[in-house]
Amino acid sequence: MMSITAATRDRLKAAGAVEAIVSDRVFRDERPQGTPLPAIVLIGAGGATDYHYRGRASVQRVRIQLDCWAGSRGDADALGVAVIEAMEGAADLGSIRFVRAFVTDRRDGSDRGETIAATGAAPLAYRASIDFFVWFKEV
């Protein structure tokens, strides 16, 4: 079975509006050094298996943090909007059925990137961080 974070990565890569902005730069856990912006980094941020009196529930919920990185605040925010639109609807991807995703929290941030050898400068990268509760089931 595909993991929910791998399925989420593949879902974002297949979303036209997201792909138009980041190409294939959607990563789990961390952005590889030297990868250009914009990019998305997703992290599984929690979840527990739900049960009912007959056993494991067929629909499960996890929390996934999606960090949308870009070279400007406006570009990070625009990528965040595209990510929300890509995640909210139901969809099937491989062995995973995305039932629904809900935004639970949003944060903005920034970070100094890698030092550029030619100038010695470290450019500022902007982040729109979005937490989702993702309801899914294995099909």
N, C-alpha and C. Protein backbone atom coordinates (compact mmCIF):
# COMPACT_ATOMS: atom_id res chain seq x y z
N MET A 1 0.84 -1.18 0.00
CA MET A 1 0.00 0.00 0.00
C MET A 1 0.88 1.25 0.00
N MET A 2 0.47 2.24 -0.74
CA MET A 2 1.16 3.52 -0.77
C MET A 2 0.87 4.27 0.53
N SER A 3 1.87 4.95 1.08
CA SER A 3 1.64 5.75 2.28
C SER A 3 0.83 6.99 1.93
N ILE A 4 0.14 7.54 2.92
CA ILE A 4 -0.68 8.73 2.68
C ILE A 4 0.20 9.93 2.31
N THR A 5 1.41 10.02 2.86
CA THR A 5 2.26 11.15 2.47
C THR A 5 2.77 10.99 1.03
N ALA A 6 3.08 9.77 0.62
CA ALA A 6 3.49 9.54 -0.77
C ALA A 6 2.32 9.83 -1.72
N ALA A 7 1.12 9.42 -1.34
CA ALA A 7 -0.06 9.69 -2.17
C ALA A 7 -0.33 11.19 -2.25
N THR A 8 -0.14 11.90 -1.14
CA THR A 8 -0.34 13.35 -1.14
C THR A 8 0.68 14.02 -2.06
N ARG A 9 1.94 13.59 -1.97
CA ARG A 9 2.97 14.13 -2.87
C ARG A 9 2.57 13.93 -4.33
N ASP A 10 2.16 12.71 -4.67
CA ASP A 10 1.79 12.41 -6.05
C ASP A 10 0.55 13.19 -6.48
N ARG A 11 -0.39 13.38 -5.55
CA ARG A 11 -1.59 14.16 -5.87
C ARG A 11 -1.24 15.60 -6.21
N LEU A 12 -0.35 16.19 -5.42
CA LEU A 12 0.05 17.58 -5.69
C LEU A 12 0.82 17.69 -7.00
N LYS A 13 1.68 16.72 -7.29
CA LYS A 13 2.42 16.75 -8.55
C LYS A 13 1.50 16.65 -9.76
N ALA A 14 0.36 15.98 -9.59
CA ALA A 14 -0.58 15.79 -10.69
C ALA A 14 -1.58 16.93 -10.83
N ALA A 15 -1.65 17.81 -9.84
CA ALA A 15 -2.61 18.93 -9.89
C ALA A 15 -2.08 20.00 -10.84
N GLY A 16 -2.84 20.32 -11.86
CA GLY A 16 -2.38 21.24 -12.90
C GLY A 16 -1.90 22.59 -12.39
N ALA A 17 -2.67 23.21 -11.49
CA ALA A 17 -2.29 24.55 -10.99
C ALA A 17 -1.02 24.49 -10.15
N VAL A 18 -0.86 23.41 -9.39
CA VAL A 18 0.36 23.26 -8.57
C VAL A 18 1.55 22.97 -9.48
N GLU A 19 1.37 22.04 -10.41
CA GLU A 19 2.45 21.66 -11.32
C GLU A 19 2.92 22.86 -12.15
N ALA A 20 2.00 23.75 -12.50
CA ALA A 20 2.37 24.94 -13.28
C ALA A 20 3.30 25.86 -12.49
N ILE A 21 3.23 25.81 -11.17
CA ILE A 21 4.06 26.67 -10.33
C ILE A 21 5.36 25.99 -9.93
N VAL A 22 5.30 24.72 -9.50
CA VAL A 22 6.49 24.07 -8.93
C VAL A 22 7.10 23.00 -9.83
N SER A 23 6.49 22.70 -10.96
CA SER A 23 6.92 21.60 -11.81
C SER A 23 6.82 20.32 -10.98
N ASP A 24 7.91 19.59 -10.80
CA ASP A 24 7.86 18.36 -10.00
C ASP A 24 8.52 18.53 -8.63
N ARG A 25 8.70 19.75 -8.17
CA ARG A 25 9.42 20.00 -6.91
C ARG A 25 8.47 19.92 -5.70
N VAL A 26 7.99 18.70 -5.45
CA VAL A 26 7.17 18.39 -4.27
C VAL A 26 7.90 17.27 -3.54
N PHE A 27 8.30 17.54 -2.30
CA PHE A 27 9.17 16.62 -1.57
C PHE A 27 8.57 16.23 -0.22
N ARG A 28 8.93 15.05 0.25
CA ARG A 28 8.58 14.62 1.59
C ARG A 28 9.75 14.93 2.52
N ASP A 29 9.44 15.48 3.68
CA ASP A 29 10.38 15.72 4.78
C ASP A 29 11.32 16.90 4.59
N GLU A 30 12.00 17.02 3.46
CA GLU A 30 12.92 18.15 3.27
C GLU A 30 13.15 18.40 1.79
N ARG A 31 13.51 19.64 1.49
CA ARG A 31 13.85 20.02 0.12
C ARG A 31 15.33 19.74 -0.08
N PRO A 32 15.69 18.96 -1.09
CA PRO A 32 17.11 18.67 -1.33
C PRO A 32 17.91 19.96 -1.55
N GLN A 33 19.12 19.97 -1.03
CA GLN A 33 19.98 21.13 -1.15
C GLN A 33 20.17 21.49 -2.62
N GLY A 34 20.08 22.78 -2.91
CA GLY A 34 20.27 23.27 -4.27
C GLY A 34 19.03 23.24 -5.14
N THR A 35 17.92 22.69 -4.64
CA THR A 35 16.69 22.66 -5.42
C THR A 35 16.12 24.07 -5.53
N PRO A 36 15.81 24.53 -6.74
CA PRO A 36 15.29 25.90 -6.88
C PRO A 36 13.88 26.04 -6.31
N LEU A 37 13.54 27.28 -6.04
CA LEU A 37 12.18 27.62 -5.61
C LEU A 37 11.39 28.06 -6.84
N PRO A 38 10.08 27.96 -6.79
CA PRO A 38 9.25 27.51 -5.68
C PRO A 38 9.26 25.98 -5.55
N ALA A 39 8.87 25.52 -4.35
CA ALA A 39 8.82 24.10 -4.06
C ALA A 39 7.87 23.86 -2.89
N ILE A 40 7.46 22.62 -2.74
CA ILE A 40 6.60 22.21 -1.62
C ILE A 40 7.30 21.12 -0.85
N VAL A 41 7.25 21.22 0.49
CA VAL A 41 7.74 20.16 1.37
C VAL A 41 6.56 19.73 2.23
N LEU A 42 6.30 18.42 2.25
CA LEU A 42 5.20 17.93 3.08
C LEU A 42 5.72 17.01 4.16
N ILE A 43 5.07 17.10 5.31
CA ILE A 43 5.48 16.35 6.49
C ILE A 43 4.24 15.75 7.12
N GLY A 44 4.26 14.45 7.39
CA GLY A 44 3.20 13.83 8.17
C GLY A 44 3.33 14.34 9.60
N ALA A 45 2.29 15.01 10.08
CA ALA A 45 2.40 15.71 11.36
C ALA A 45 1.55 15.07 12.45
N GLY A 46 1.01 13.91 12.22
CA GLY A 46 0.26 13.24 13.28
C GLY A 46 -0.97 12.53 12.76
N GLY A 47 -1.51 11.74 13.62
CA GLY A 47 -2.71 10.98 13.30
C GLY A 47 -2.71 9.69 14.08
N ALA A 48 -3.86 9.16 14.28
CA ALA A 48 -4.01 7.90 14.99
C ALA A 48 -5.03 7.05 14.24
N THR A 49 -4.91 5.75 14.37
CA THR A 49 -5.87 4.86 13.75
C THR A 49 -7.17 4.92 14.53
N ASP A 50 -8.27 5.14 13.82
CA ASP A 50 -9.59 5.17 14.46
C ASP A 50 -10.20 3.78 14.46
N TYR A 51 -10.89 3.47 15.55
CA TYR A 51 -11.56 2.17 15.70
C TYR A 51 -13.01 2.40 16.11
N HIS A 52 -13.84 1.42 15.81
CA HIS A 52 -15.20 1.38 16.34
C HIS A 52 -15.42 -0.01 16.90
N TYR A 53 -16.60 -0.33 17.35
CA TYR A 53 -16.81 -1.59 18.06
C TYR A 53 -16.56 -2.83 17.21
N ARG A 54 -16.55 -2.71 15.91
CA ARG A 54 -16.27 -3.86 15.04
C ARG A 54 -14.81 -3.94 14.61
N GLY A 55 -14.01 -2.99 15.01
CA GLY A 55 -12.59 -3.01 14.64
C GLY A 55 -12.15 -1.69 14.04
N ARG A 56 -11.17 -1.77 13.18
CA ARG A 56 -10.59 -0.58 12.57
C ARG A 56 -11.59 0.09 11.63
N ALA A 57 -11.71 1.40 11.76
CA ALA A 57 -12.59 2.16 10.87
C ALA A 57 -11.99 2.20 9.47
N SER A 58 -12.84 2.19 8.45
CA SER A 58 -12.32 2.19 7.08
C SER A 58 -11.79 3.56 6.67
N VAL A 59 -12.34 4.63 7.22
CA VAL A 59 -11.87 5.97 6.92
C VAL A 59 -10.97 6.45 8.06
N GLN A 60 -9.77 6.87 7.72
CA GLN A 60 -8.79 7.31 8.71
C GLN A 60 -8.50 8.80 8.51
N ARG A 61 -7.92 9.40 9.56
CA ARG A 61 -7.58 10.83 9.50
C ARG A 61 -6.13 11.02 9.92
N VAL A 62 -5.40 11.81 9.14
CA VAL A 62 -4.04 12.20 9.49
C VAL A 62 -3.92 13.71 9.34
N ARG A 63 -2.90 14.24 9.99
CA ARG A 63 -2.60 15.66 9.82
C ARG A 63 -1.33 15.74 8.98
N ILE A 64 -1.37 16.55 7.94
CA ILE A 64 -0.22 16.74 7.06
C ILE A 64 0.07 18.23 6.97
N GLN A 65 1.35 18.57 7.18
CA GLN A 65 1.80 19.95 7.04
C GLN A 65 2.41 20.12 5.66
N LEU A 66 1.94 21.13 4.93
CA LEU A 66 2.46 21.43 3.60
C LEU A 66 3.11 22.80 3.64
N ASP A 67 4.42 22.84 3.42
CA ASP A 67 5.17 24.10 3.40
C ASP A 67 5.41 24.51 1.96
N CYS A 68 4.85 25.66 1.59
CA CYS A 68 4.95 26.20 0.23
C CYS A 68 6.05 27.25 0.23
N TRP A 69 7.19 26.94 -0.38
CA TRP A 69 8.36 27.83 -0.39
C TRP A 69 8.45 28.56 -1.72
N ALA A 70 8.80 29.85 -1.65
CA ALA A 70 8.96 30.65 -2.87
C ALA A 70 9.91 31.81 -2.61
N GLY A 71 10.28 32.49 -3.67
CA GLY A 71 11.22 33.61 -3.57
C GLY A 71 10.59 34.92 -3.13
N SER A 72 9.26 34.97 -3.05
CA SER A 72 8.57 36.18 -2.57
C SER A 72 7.36 35.77 -1.75
N ARG A 73 6.90 36.69 -0.91
CA ARG A 73 5.70 36.42 -0.11
C ARG A 73 4.50 36.17 -1.01
N GLY A 74 4.34 36.98 -2.04
CA GLY A 74 3.21 36.81 -2.96
C GLY A 74 3.21 35.46 -3.66
N ASP A 75 4.40 35.00 -4.09
CA ASP A 75 4.48 33.71 -4.76
C ASP A 75 4.20 32.56 -3.79
N ALA A 76 4.67 32.67 -2.55
CA ALA A 76 4.39 31.63 -1.54
C ALA A 76 2.89 31.57 -1.27
N ASP A 77 2.25 32.73 -1.15
CA ASP A 77 0.81 32.77 -0.90
C ASP A 77 0.02 32.20 -2.08
N ALA A 78 0.43 32.53 -3.30
CA ALA A 78 -0.26 32.00 -4.50
C ALA A 78 -0.12 30.48 -4.57
N LEU A 79 1.05 29.97 -4.24
CA LEU A 79 1.25 28.53 -4.22
C LEU A 79 0.37 27.90 -3.14
N GLY A 80 0.25 28.55 -2.00
CA GLY A 80 -0.63 28.05 -0.94
C GLY A 80 -2.07 27.94 -1.39
N VAL A 81 -2.55 28.91 -2.12
CA VAL A 81 -3.93 28.87 -2.65
C VAL A 81 -4.09 27.68 -3.60
N ALA A 82 -3.11 27.47 -4.48
CA ALA A 82 -3.17 26.35 -5.42
C ALA A 82 -3.17 25.01 -4.67
N VAL A 83 -2.38 24.91 -3.60
CA VAL A 83 -2.32 23.69 -2.81
C VAL A 83 -3.66 23.42 -2.13
N ILE A 84 -4.26 24.44 -1.54
CA ILE A 84 -5.56 24.25 -0.89
C ILE A 84 -6.60 23.77 -1.90
N GLU A 85 -6.64 24.40 -3.06
CA GLU A 85 -7.61 23.99 -4.08
C GLU A 85 -7.37 22.56 -4.54
N ALA A 86 -6.11 22.14 -4.61
CA ALA A 86 -5.78 20.78 -5.03
C ALA A 86 -6.13 19.74 -3.98
N MET A 87 -6.07 20.12 -2.71
CA MET A 87 -6.25 19.15 -1.62
C MET A 87 -7.69 18.99 -1.16
N GLU A 88 -8.53 19.99 -1.31
CA GLU A 88 -9.84 19.97 -0.65
C GLU A 88 -10.83 18.94 -1.20
N GLY A 89 -10.79 18.62 -2.45
CA GLY A 89 -11.77 17.71 -3.03
C GLY A 89 -11.44 16.25 -2.84
N ALA A 90 -12.42 15.41 -3.11
CA ALA A 90 -12.22 13.96 -3.07
C ALA A 90 -11.44 13.53 -4.32
N ALA A 91 -10.66 12.46 -4.18
CA ALA A 91 -9.89 11.95 -5.32
C ALA A 91 -9.37 10.55 -5.00
N ASP A 92 -9.13 9.77 -6.03
CA ASP A 92 -8.49 8.46 -5.90
C ASP A 92 -7.10 8.55 -6.49
N LEU A 93 -6.13 8.00 -5.77
CA LEU A 93 -4.76 7.97 -6.26
C LEU A 93 -4.14 6.64 -5.84
N GLY A 94 -3.96 5.75 -6.80
CA GLY A 94 -3.44 4.43 -6.48
C GLY A 94 -4.37 3.71 -5.51
N SER A 95 -3.83 3.23 -4.41
CA SER A 95 -4.62 2.49 -3.42
C SER A 95 -5.24 3.39 -2.37
N ILE A 96 -5.14 4.71 -2.54
CA ILE A 96 -5.65 5.67 -1.56
C ILE A 96 -6.83 6.44 -2.15
N ARG A 97 -7.90 6.49 -1.39
CA ARG A 97 -9.04 7.36 -1.74
C ARG A 97 -9.04 8.53 -0.76
N PHE A 98 -8.79 9.72 -1.30
CA PHE A 98 -8.88 10.94 -0.49
C PHE A 98 -10.37 11.27 -0.35
N VAL A 99 -10.89 11.17 0.86
CA VAL A 99 -12.30 11.45 1.09
C VAL A 99 -12.53 12.95 1.15
N ARG A 100 -11.70 13.64 1.92
CA ARG A 100 -11.81 15.09 2.06
C ARG A 100 -10.59 15.57 2.84
N ALA A 101 -10.19 16.81 2.61
CA ALA A 101 -9.12 17.44 3.38
C ALA A 101 -9.60 18.81 3.84
N PHE A 102 -9.26 19.16 5.07
CA PHE A 102 -9.68 20.43 5.66
C PHE A 102 -8.47 21.19 6.16
N VAL A 103 -8.39 22.47 5.87
CA VAL A 103 -7.33 23.31 6.41
C VAL A 103 -7.61 23.51 7.90
N THR A 104 -6.60 23.23 8.74
CA THR A 104 -6.77 23.41 10.18
C THR A 104 -5.94 24.56 10.72
N ASP A 105 -4.88 24.95 10.01
CA ASP A 105 -4.03 26.04 10.49
C ASP A 105 -3.19 26.56 9.33
N ARG A 106 -2.84 27.84 9.41
CA ARG A 106 -1.96 28.47 8.42
C ARG A 106 -0.97 29.37 9.14
N ARG A 107 0.27 29.37 8.66
CA ARG A 107 1.31 30.22 9.22
C ARG A 107 2.19 30.74 8.08
N ASP A 108 2.74 31.91 8.27
CA ASP A 108 3.73 32.45 7.34
C ASP A 108 5.08 32.43 8.01
N GLY A 109 6.13 32.33 7.21
CA GLY A 109 7.48 32.37 7.75
C GLY A 109 8.46 32.67 6.64
N SER A 110 9.72 32.76 7.04
CA SER A 110 10.79 32.96 6.06
C SER A 110 12.06 32.36 6.63
N ASP A 111 13.02 32.15 5.76
CA ASP A 111 14.28 31.54 6.16
C ASP A 111 15.35 31.97 5.17
N ARG A 112 16.56 32.12 5.67
CA ARG A 112 17.69 32.39 4.78
C ARG A 112 18.06 31.10 4.08
N GLY A 113 18.18 31.17 2.77
CA GLY A 113 18.53 30.00 1.99
C GLY A 113 20.02 29.72 2.01
N GLU A 114 20.45 28.89 1.09
CA GLU A 114 21.86 28.54 0.97
C GLU A 114 22.64 29.75 0.46
N THR A 115 23.87 29.87 0.90
CA THR A 115 24.73 30.96 0.46
C THR A 115 25.08 30.77 -1.01
N ILE A 116 24.94 31.83 -1.77
CA ILE A 116 25.31 31.81 -3.18
C ILE A 116 26.81 32.10 -3.26
N ALA A 117 27.57 31.17 -3.81
CA ALA A 117 29.03 31.28 -3.81
C ALA A 117 29.52 32.57 -4.47
N ALA A 118 28.92 32.97 -5.57
CA ALA A 118 29.41 34.13 -6.31
C ALA A 118 29.27 35.43 -5.53
N THR A 119 28.22 35.54 -4.73
CA THR A 119 27.96 36.81 -4.03
C THR A 119 28.18 36.72 -2.52
N GLY A 120 28.18 35.51 -1.98
CA GLY A 120 28.28 35.35 -0.53
C GLY A 120 26.98 35.66 0.19
N ALA A 121 25.93 35.96 -0.57
CA ALA A 121 24.63 36.29 0.03
C ALA A 121 23.78 35.04 0.21
N ALA A 122 22.91 35.10 1.19
CA ALA A 122 21.93 34.03 1.40
C ALA A 122 20.55 34.63 1.18
N PRO A 123 19.90 34.31 0.06
CA PRO A 123 18.60 34.92 -0.23
C PRO A 123 17.52 34.47 0.74
N LEU A 124 16.56 35.32 0.93
CA LEU A 124 15.44 35.02 1.80
C LEU A 124 14.41 34.19 1.03
N ALA A 125 13.97 33.10 1.65
CA ALA A 125 12.90 32.27 1.09
C ALA A 125 11.67 32.44 1.96
N TYR A 126 10.51 32.53 1.34
CA TYR A 126 9.26 32.76 2.06
C TYR A 126 8.44 31.47 2.08
N ARG A 127 7.76 31.25 3.22
CA ARG A 127 6.99 30.02 3.40
C ARG A 127 5.55 30.35 3.77
N ALA A 128 4.63 29.67 3.09
CA ALA A 128 3.23 29.62 3.51
C ALA A 128 3.01 28.19 3.98
N SER A 129 2.87 28.01 5.29
CA SER A 129 2.73 26.68 5.88
C SER A 129 1.25 26.42 6.15
N ILE A 130 0.75 25.29 5.67
CA ILE A 130 -0.67 24.97 5.77
C ILE A 130 -0.81 23.57 6.36
N ASP A 131 -1.59 23.45 7.44
CA ASP A 131 -1.88 22.15 8.04
C ASP A 131 -3.25 21.69 7.56
N PHE A 132 -3.33 20.41 7.20
CA PHE A 132 -4.58 19.80 6.77
C PHE A 132 -4.90 18.60 7.64
N PHE A 133 -6.17 18.39 7.94
CA PHE A 133 -6.66 17.07 8.33
C PHE A 133 -7.09 16.41 7.04
N VAL A 134 -6.51 15.26 6.75
CA VAL A 134 -6.83 14.52 5.53
C VAL A 134 -7.57 13.25 5.93
N TRP A 135 -8.79 13.11 5.44
CA TRP A 135 -9.58 11.90 5.65
C TRP A 135 -9.38 11.02 4.42
N PHE A 136 -9.01 9.76 4.63
CA PHE A 136 -8.71 8.87 3.51
C PHE A 136 -9.08 7.44 3.87
N LYS A 137 -9.10 6.60 2.85
CA LYS A 137 -9.29 5.17 3.07
C LYS A 137 -8.50 4.41 2.02
N GLU A 138 -8.17 3.18 2.36
CA GLU A 138 -7.50 2.29 1.42
C GLU A 138 -8.56 1.63 0.54
N VAL A 139 -8.29 1.58 -0.76
CA VAL A 139 -9.25 0.97 -1.69
C VAL A 139 -8.64 -0.25 -2.36
